[in-house]
Amino acid sequence: MNNGERCVVITGTHKGKSGTVEDRNVSKGGNVTITVRQADGTRFKTLERSVRPASEGEG
């Protein structure tokens, strides 16, 4: 996932939420985390493996 791409969270705490990828980071342990900004401006962090790109009209 790259900055600016639309995504939908498919597993975990934020399951069902969608938004735009803002920040991608690789932790020391090798986990890839991303910050997602929702349409209302709310941001949350989640693991990249928990999201998938949003299809047309989704999210």
N, C-alpha and C. Protein backbone atom coordinates (compact mmCIF):
# COMPACT_ATOMS: atom_id res chain seq x y z
N MET A 1 0.84 -1.17 0.00
CA MET A 1 0.00 0.00 0.00
C MET A 1 0.89 1.24 0.00
N ASN A 2 0.47 2.24 -0.73
CA ASN A 2 1.22 3.48 -0.81
C ASN A 2 0.39 4.63 -0.28
N ASN A 3 1.06 5.72 0.09
CA ASN A 3 0.36 6.90 0.58
C ASN A 3 -0.67 7.36 -0.44
N GLY A 4 -1.84 7.73 0.06
CA GLY A 4 -2.90 8.23 -0.81
C GLY A 4 -3.85 7.17 -1.33
N GLU A 5 -3.52 5.89 -1.17
CA GLU A 5 -4.40 4.83 -1.64
C GLU A 5 -5.55 4.62 -0.67
N ARG A 6 -6.72 4.29 -1.22
CA ARG A 6 -7.89 3.97 -0.40
C ARG A 6 -7.77 2.53 0.06
N CYS A 7 -8.18 2.26 1.30
CA CYS A 7 -8.10 0.90 1.82
C CYS A 7 -9.27 0.61 2.75
N VAL A 8 -9.50 -0.69 2.97
CA VAL A 8 -10.53 -1.17 3.88
C VAL A 8 -9.86 -2.16 4.83
N VAL A 9 -10.14 -2.02 6.13
CA VAL A 9 -9.58 -2.93 7.13
C VAL A 9 -10.44 -4.19 7.15
N ILE A 10 -9.80 -5.37 7.01
CA ILE A 10 -10.55 -6.62 6.91
C ILE A 10 -10.45 -7.49 8.17
N THR A 11 -9.48 -7.21 9.04
CA THR A 11 -9.35 -7.96 10.29
C THR A 11 -8.88 -7.04 11.41
N GLY A 12 -9.07 -7.49 12.64
CA GLY A 12 -8.54 -6.76 13.78
C GLY A 12 -9.52 -5.77 14.39
N THR A 13 -9.01 -4.94 15.27
CA THR A 13 -9.79 -3.97 16.04
C THR A 13 -10.59 -3.02 15.16
N HIS A 14 -10.03 -2.60 14.05
CA HIS A 14 -10.66 -1.59 13.20
C HIS A 14 -11.41 -2.20 12.01
N LYS A 15 -11.73 -3.48 12.11
CA LYS A 15 -12.40 -4.20 11.01
C LYS A 15 -13.63 -3.43 10.53
N GLY A 16 -13.75 -3.28 9.21
CA GLY A 16 -14.88 -2.60 8.61
C GLY A 16 -14.66 -1.13 8.35
N LYS A 17 -13.63 -0.54 8.94
CA LYS A 17 -13.34 0.87 8.72
C LYS A 17 -12.57 1.03 7.42
N SER A 18 -12.67 2.21 6.84
CA SER A 18 -11.96 2.47 5.59
C SER A 18 -11.41 3.89 5.61
N GLY A 19 -10.49 4.15 4.71
CA GLY A 19 -9.90 5.47 4.64
C GLY A 19 -8.76 5.52 3.66
N THR A 20 -7.91 6.52 3.85
CA THR A 20 -6.78 6.75 2.97
C THR A 20 -5.48 6.50 3.73
N VAL A 21 -4.55 5.78 3.12
CA VAL A 21 -3.26 5.51 3.74
C VAL A 21 -2.46 6.81 3.82
N GLU A 22 -1.93 7.12 5.01
CA GLU A 22 -1.15 8.34 5.19
C GLU A 22 0.32 8.08 5.45
N ASP A 23 0.61 7.06 6.21
CA ASP A 23 1.99 6.84 6.62
C ASP A 23 2.25 5.35 6.70
N ARG A 24 3.37 4.91 6.14
CA ARG A 24 3.76 3.50 6.17
C ARG A 24 5.09 3.40 6.90
N ASN A 25 5.17 2.47 7.84
CA ASN A 25 6.36 2.34 8.65
C ASN A 25 6.69 0.87 8.87
N VAL A 26 7.98 0.54 8.87
CA VAL A 26 8.42 -0.82 9.18
C VAL A 26 9.07 -0.79 10.55
N SER A 27 8.53 -1.57 11.49
CA SER A 27 9.06 -1.59 12.85
C SER A 27 10.35 -2.40 12.93
N LYS A 28 11.01 -2.31 14.07
CA LYS A 28 12.25 -3.08 14.27
C LYS A 28 12.02 -4.57 14.11
N GLY A 29 10.83 -5.02 14.50
CA GLY A 29 10.50 -6.44 14.41
C GLY A 29 10.09 -6.88 13.02
N GLY A 30 10.00 -5.93 12.08
CA GLY A 30 9.67 -6.26 10.71
C GLY A 30 8.20 -6.12 10.36
N ASN A 31 7.36 -5.73 11.34
CA ASN A 31 5.94 -5.53 11.05
C ASN A 31 5.73 -4.21 10.32
N VAL A 32 4.87 -4.23 9.31
CA VAL A 32 4.58 -3.02 8.55
C VAL A 32 3.28 -2.42 9.10
N THR A 33 3.36 -1.19 9.58
CA THR A 33 2.18 -0.51 10.09
C THR A 33 1.85 0.67 9.18
N ILE A 34 0.57 1.00 9.13
CA ILE A 34 0.13 2.14 8.35
C ILE A 34 -0.81 2.99 9.19
N THR A 35 -0.84 4.28 8.89
CA THR A 35 -1.81 5.18 9.49
C THR A 35 -2.90 5.39 8.45
N VAL A 36 -4.15 5.23 8.88
CA VAL A 36 -5.29 5.40 7.98
C VAL A 36 -6.10 6.59 8.46
N ARG A 37 -6.44 7.50 7.54
CA ARG A 37 -7.30 8.65 7.86
C ARG A 37 -8.68 8.39 7.25
N GLN A 38 -9.69 8.40 8.12
CA GLN A 38 -11.07 8.22 7.67
C GLN A 38 -11.61 9.52 7.08
N ALA A 39 -12.76 9.45 6.44
CA ALA A 39 -13.36 10.62 5.79
C ALA A 39 -13.65 11.74 6.77
N ASP A 40 -13.95 11.39 8.04
CA ASP A 40 -14.25 12.42 9.05
C ASP A 40 -13.00 13.01 9.69
N GLY A 41 -11.81 12.58 9.25
CA GLY A 41 -10.56 13.11 9.77
C GLY A 41 -9.93 12.27 10.87
N THR A 42 -10.65 11.29 11.39
CA THR A 42 -10.12 10.42 12.43
C THR A 42 -9.00 9.56 11.85
N ARG A 43 -7.92 9.42 12.63
CA ARG A 43 -6.79 8.59 12.20
C ARG A 43 -6.63 7.41 13.14
N PHE A 44 -6.14 6.29 12.60
CA PHE A 44 -5.79 5.14 13.42
C PHE A 44 -4.66 4.39 12.76
N LYS A 45 -3.92 3.66 13.58
CA LYS A 45 -2.82 2.85 13.07
C LYS A 45 -3.27 1.39 13.05
N THR A 46 -2.82 0.68 12.03
CA THR A 46 -3.13 -0.74 11.92
C THR A 46 -2.01 -1.44 11.15
N LEU A 47 -1.99 -2.74 11.21
CA LEU A 47 -1.00 -3.50 10.46
C LEU A 47 -1.40 -3.56 8.99
N GLU A 48 -0.41 -3.44 8.13
CA GLU A 48 -0.69 -3.45 6.69
C GLU A 48 -1.35 -4.76 6.27
N ARG A 49 -1.00 -5.86 6.90
CA ARG A 49 -1.58 -7.15 6.52
C ARG A 49 -3.07 -7.24 6.87
N SER A 50 -3.58 -6.27 7.65
CA SER A 50 -4.99 -6.26 8.04
C SER A 50 -5.87 -5.47 7.08
N VAL A 51 -5.27 -4.90 6.03
CA VAL A 51 -6.06 -4.09 5.09
C VAL A 51 -5.93 -4.62 3.68
N ARG A 52 -6.88 -4.20 2.85
CA ARG A 52 -6.81 -4.48 1.42
C ARG A 52 -7.23 -3.22 0.69
N PRO A 53 -6.81 -3.06 -0.55
CA PRO A 53 -7.22 -1.89 -1.31
C PRO A 53 -8.74 -1.84 -1.45
N ALA A 54 -9.30 -0.65 -1.38
CA ALA A 54 -10.75 -0.48 -1.55
C ALA A 54 -11.09 -0.55 -3.04
N SER A 55 -12.16 -1.26 -3.35
CA SER A 55 -12.61 -1.32 -4.74
C SER A 55 -13.45 -0.09 -5.05
N GLU A 56 -13.75 0.10 -6.30
CA GLU A 56 -14.51 1.28 -6.76
C GLU A 56 -15.82 1.41 -5.98
N GLY A 57 -16.05 2.58 -5.40
CA GLY A 57 -17.28 2.84 -4.67
C GLY A 57 -17.31 2.32 -3.26
N GLU A 58 -16.25 1.70 -2.82
CA GLU A 58 -16.19 1.12 -1.46
C GLU A 58 -15.41 2.06 -0.56
N GLY A 59 -15.83 2.14 0.71
CA GLY A 59 -15.10 2.92 1.69
C GLY A 59 -15.41 4.34 1.59
